[in-house]
């Protein structure tokens, strides 16, 4: 009897551990071109929202900026906010991104960090678990072409992506979506490798 209870408890423990693993972050490091410099000038570019939740990109930006500074990226600037008079542009994430990239390319920043939100919602059901899917990219703004030497027929140079990672997370029913986002972004940023020089 005691042995049967012990076996059942062990089986329950294995099942519980498996469930914990399944609900943890799934992170896929897709590209890593070079080590990054924390001391360089960084700019936070718009995070494009591809989810069904309005302004999910802006919410990710707020958490991302805080996490980057906590990791020692102190020279971090946020792209200029769109004037409220330009409501349609503000609602179009791609237009916001392109305007911010054009501005950042002229400001002398070394790195731009951006990304996309693929999922940001609570699942249907009694528990309503939060589900988040995010991709981050670091681009080398020194490779962005200047508009001054471009003609109308020439194509603008797209900045080179030097680091990117994507991941998804499903949290517990009582967990807020902000907690799930914070956890996932931390996991994604863990994949960055920084240079060790001192200035």
Protein backbone atom coordinates (compact mmCIF):
# COMPACT_ATOMS: atom_id res chain seq x y z
CA UNK A 1 0.00 0.00 0.00
CA UNK A 2 2.76 2.43 1.02
CA UNK A 3 4.79 1.45 -2.05
CA UNK A 4 1.78 2.08 -4.33
CA UNK A 5 1.25 5.56 -2.84
CA UNK A 6 4.96 6.38 -3.29
CA UNK A 7 4.86 5.32 -6.96
CA UNK A 8 1.73 7.42 -7.53
CA UNK A 9 3.36 10.44 -5.89
CA UNK A 10 6.46 10.04 -8.04
CA UNK A 11 4.32 9.72 -11.17
CA UNK A 12 2.36 12.83 -10.18
CA UNK A 13 5.63 14.68 -9.60
CA UNK A 14 6.93 13.73 -13.05
CA UNK A 15 3.66 14.84 -14.66
CA UNK A 16 3.76 18.14 -12.76
CA UNK A 17 7.38 18.73 -13.79
CA UNK A 18 6.47 18.01 -17.41
CA UNK A 19 3.64 20.54 -17.22
CA UNK A 20 6.01 23.14 -15.78
CA UNK A 21 8.42 22.58 -18.65
CA UNK A 22 5.62 22.85 -21.21
CA UNK A 23 4.39 26.14 -19.75
CA UNK A 24 7.88 27.63 -19.58
CA UNK A 25 9.42 29.87 -22.22
CA UNK A 26 10.27 28.43 -25.59
CA UNK A 27 13.14 30.53 -26.95
CA UNK A 28 14.85 30.07 -30.29
CA UNK A 29 18.06 32.01 -30.91
CA UNK A 30 17.83 32.49 -34.66
CA UNK A 31 20.80 34.69 -35.45
CA UNK A 32 23.90 36.03 -33.72
CA UNK A 33 26.33 37.93 -35.93
CA UNK A 34 28.65 39.68 -33.49
CA UNK A 35 29.21 40.69 -29.88
CA UNK A 36 27.36 43.84 -28.87
CA UNK A 37 28.70 46.93 -27.13
CA UNK A 38 26.78 48.06 -24.03
CA UNK A 39 28.58 51.42 -24.08
CA UNK A 40 27.44 52.29 -27.60
CA UNK A 41 24.48 54.55 -28.35
CA UNK A 42 21.30 52.47 -28.63
CA UNK A 43 17.85 53.50 -29.79
CA UNK A 44 14.59 51.73 -29.07
CA UNK A 45 12.60 51.59 -32.31
CA UNK A 46 8.88 50.73 -32.56
CA UNK A 47 7.87 47.15 -31.86
CA UNK A 48 5.37 46.17 -34.55
CA UNK A 49 2.14 44.69 -33.27
CA UNK A 50 0.90 41.70 -35.26
CA UNK A 51 -1.36 40.45 -32.49
CA UNK A 52 -5.07 41.14 -32.14
CA UNK A 53 -4.55 43.26 -29.00
CA UNK A 54 -4.31 47.04 -29.58
CA UNK A 55 -1.06 48.74 -28.49
CA UNK A 56 0.66 45.50 -27.51
CA UNK A 57 3.80 46.76 -29.24
CA UNK A 58 3.96 49.88 -27.09
CA UNK A 59 3.52 47.79 -23.94
CA UNK A 60 6.42 45.56 -24.96
CA UNK A 61 8.54 48.65 -25.66
CA UNK A 62 8.02 49.92 -22.10
CA UNK A 63 9.13 46.64 -20.52
CA UNK A 64 11.98 46.18 -22.99
CA UNK A 65 13.45 49.64 -22.28
CA UNK A 66 13.51 48.93 -18.55
CA UNK A 67 15.13 45.52 -19.00
CA UNK A 68 17.81 46.86 -21.35
CA UNK A 69 18.80 49.55 -18.85
CA UNK A 70 18.91 46.99 -16.05
CA UNK A 71 21.45 45.05 -18.14
CA UNK A 72 23.80 48.02 -18.36
CA UNK A 73 22.69 49.62 -21.64
CA UNK A 74 22.67 53.14 -20.25
CA UNK A 75 22.88 55.09 -23.53
CA UNK A 76 19.37 54.13 -24.66
CA UNK A 77 17.12 56.64 -26.42
CA UNK A 78 13.47 56.13 -27.29
CA UNK A 79 12.28 57.08 -30.77
CA UNK A 80 10.21 60.31 -30.91
CA UNK A 81 6.54 59.92 -30.16
CA UNK A 82 4.14 60.56 -33.02
CA UNK A 83 2.26 63.85 -32.60
CA UNK A 84 -1.36 63.32 -31.64
CA UNK A 85 -2.39 65.25 -34.76
CA UNK A 86 -1.07 62.37 -36.88
CA UNK A 87 -3.46 59.75 -35.51
CA UNK A 88 -3.56 57.58 -38.64
CA UNK A 89 0.24 57.39 -38.79
CA UNK A 90 0.37 56.58 -35.09
CA UNK A 91 -2.02 53.66 -35.59
CA UNK A 92 0.00 52.28 -38.53
CA UNK A 93 2.91 50.40 -36.93
CA UNK A 94 4.83 50.03 -40.19
CA UNK A 95 4.67 53.78 -40.84
CA UNK A 96 5.79 54.48 -37.27
CA UNK A 97 8.70 52.08 -37.68
CA UNK A 98 9.84 53.54 -41.01
CA UNK A 99 9.64 57.11 -39.69
CA UNK A 100 11.57 56.17 -36.54
CA UNK A 101 14.22 54.28 -38.55
CA UNK A 102 14.70 57.26 -40.86
CA UNK A 103 15.09 59.55 -37.85
CA UNK A 104 17.48 57.18 -36.03
CA UNK A 105 19.69 56.73 -39.11
CA UNK A 106 20.42 60.48 -39.06
CA UNK A 107 21.18 60.69 -35.33
CA UNK A 108 24.38 58.64 -35.19
CA UNK A 109 23.09 55.72 -33.12
CA UNK A 110 25.10 52.49 -33.35
CA UNK A 111 22.35 49.98 -32.60
CA UNK A 112 18.61 49.96 -33.00
CA UNK A 113 16.46 47.39 -31.21
CA UNK A 114 13.04 46.53 -32.55
CA UNK A 115 10.79 43.52 -32.94
CA UNK A 116 7.31 42.19 -33.44
CA UNK A 117 4.56 40.94 -31.15
CA UNK A 118 3.01 37.84 -32.70
CA UNK A 119 0.76 36.96 -29.77
CA UNK A 120 -0.49 38.86 -26.74
CA UNK A 121 -3.70 37.53 -25.22
CA UNK A 122 -5.38 35.48 -22.57
CA UNK A 123 -6.46 32.05 -23.76
CA UNK A 124 -10.16 31.24 -23.67
CA UNK A 125 -11.30 28.97 -20.86
CA UNK A 126 -11.71 28.92 -17.11
CA UNK A 127 -8.08 29.63 -16.29
CA UNK A 128 -7.44 32.16 -19.06
CA UNK A 129 -3.68 31.60 -19.25
CA UNK A 130 -1.62 34.46 -20.73
CA UNK A 131 0.02 33.67 -24.07
CA UNK A 132 2.83 35.83 -25.44
CA UNK A 133 4.93 35.51 -28.60
CA UNK A 134 7.70 38.04 -29.34
CA UNK A 135 10.58 38.42 -31.79
CA UNK A 136 13.44 40.87 -31.10
CA UNK A 137 16.04 42.21 -33.54
CA UNK A 138 19.13 44.37 -33.13
CA UNK A 139 20.11 46.25 -36.27
CA UNK A 140 23.39 47.99 -37.10
CA UNK A 141 22.34 51.55 -37.91
CA UNK A 142 25.76 52.36 -39.37
CA UNK A 143 24.73 50.21 -42.35
CA UNK A 144 21.56 52.22 -43.00
CA UNK A 145 21.77 54.33 -46.15
CA UNK A 146 21.51 58.09 -46.01
CA UNK A 147 18.67 59.71 -47.90
CA UNK A 148 20.88 62.59 -49.01
CA UNK A 149 22.62 60.57 -51.72
CA UNK A 150 19.56 58.63 -52.84
CA UNK A 151 17.58 59.32 -55.99
CA UNK A 152 13.90 58.62 -56.38
CA UNK A 153 14.64 55.46 -58.37
CA UNK A 154 17.30 54.07 -56.01
CA UNK A 155 16.37 51.79 -53.15
CA UNK A 156 17.08 52.73 -49.54
CA UNK A 157 19.64 50.58 -47.80
CA UNK A 158 18.14 48.26 -45.20
CA UNK A 159 20.14 48.08 -41.96
CA UNK A 160 21.86 44.77 -41.26
CA UNK A 161 20.33 42.56 -38.57
CA UNK A 162 23.16 41.55 -36.25
CA UNK A 163 21.16 39.72 -33.58
CA UNK A 164 17.67 38.27 -33.37
CA UNK A 165 15.74 35.88 -31.20
CA UNK A 166 12.15 34.73 -31.04
CA UNK A 167 10.17 33.04 -28.33
CA UNK A 168 6.77 32.24 -26.89
CA UNK A 169 5.41 31.69 -23.41
CA UNK A 170 2.18 30.44 -21.94
CA UNK A 171 1.78 31.29 -18.28
CA UNK A 172 -0.46 30.06 -15.49
CA UNK A 173 -4.08 31.09 -15.14
CA UNK A 174 -3.40 33.44 -12.22
CA UNK A 175 -0.37 34.97 -13.93
CA UNK A 176 -0.78 38.38 -15.56
CA UNK A 177 0.23 38.97 -19.16
CA UNK A 178 2.77 41.58 -18.00
CA UNK A 179 4.54 38.92 -15.90
CA UNK A 180 4.60 36.51 -18.85
CA UNK A 181 5.99 39.26 -21.10
CA UNK A 182 8.66 40.25 -18.57
CA UNK A 183 9.78 36.62 -18.21
CA UNK A 184 9.91 36.00 -21.96
CA UNK A 185 11.81 39.21 -22.74
CA UNK A 186 14.38 38.37 -20.07
CA UNK A 187 14.88 34.94 -21.67
CA UNK A 188 15.29 36.49 -25.11
CA UNK A 189 17.80 39.08 -23.87
CA UNK A 190 19.82 36.35 -22.15
CA UNK A 191 20.96 35.40 -25.67
CA UNK A 192 22.86 38.65 -26.17
CA UNK A 193 26.65 38.53 -25.89
CA UNK A 194 28.38 41.78 -24.95
CA UNK A 195 31.99 42.86 -25.38
CA UNK A 196 34.02 42.99 -22.18
CA UNK A 197 36.11 46.10 -22.82
CA UNK A 198 36.09 48.98 -20.36
CA UNK A 199 35.81 52.59 -21.36
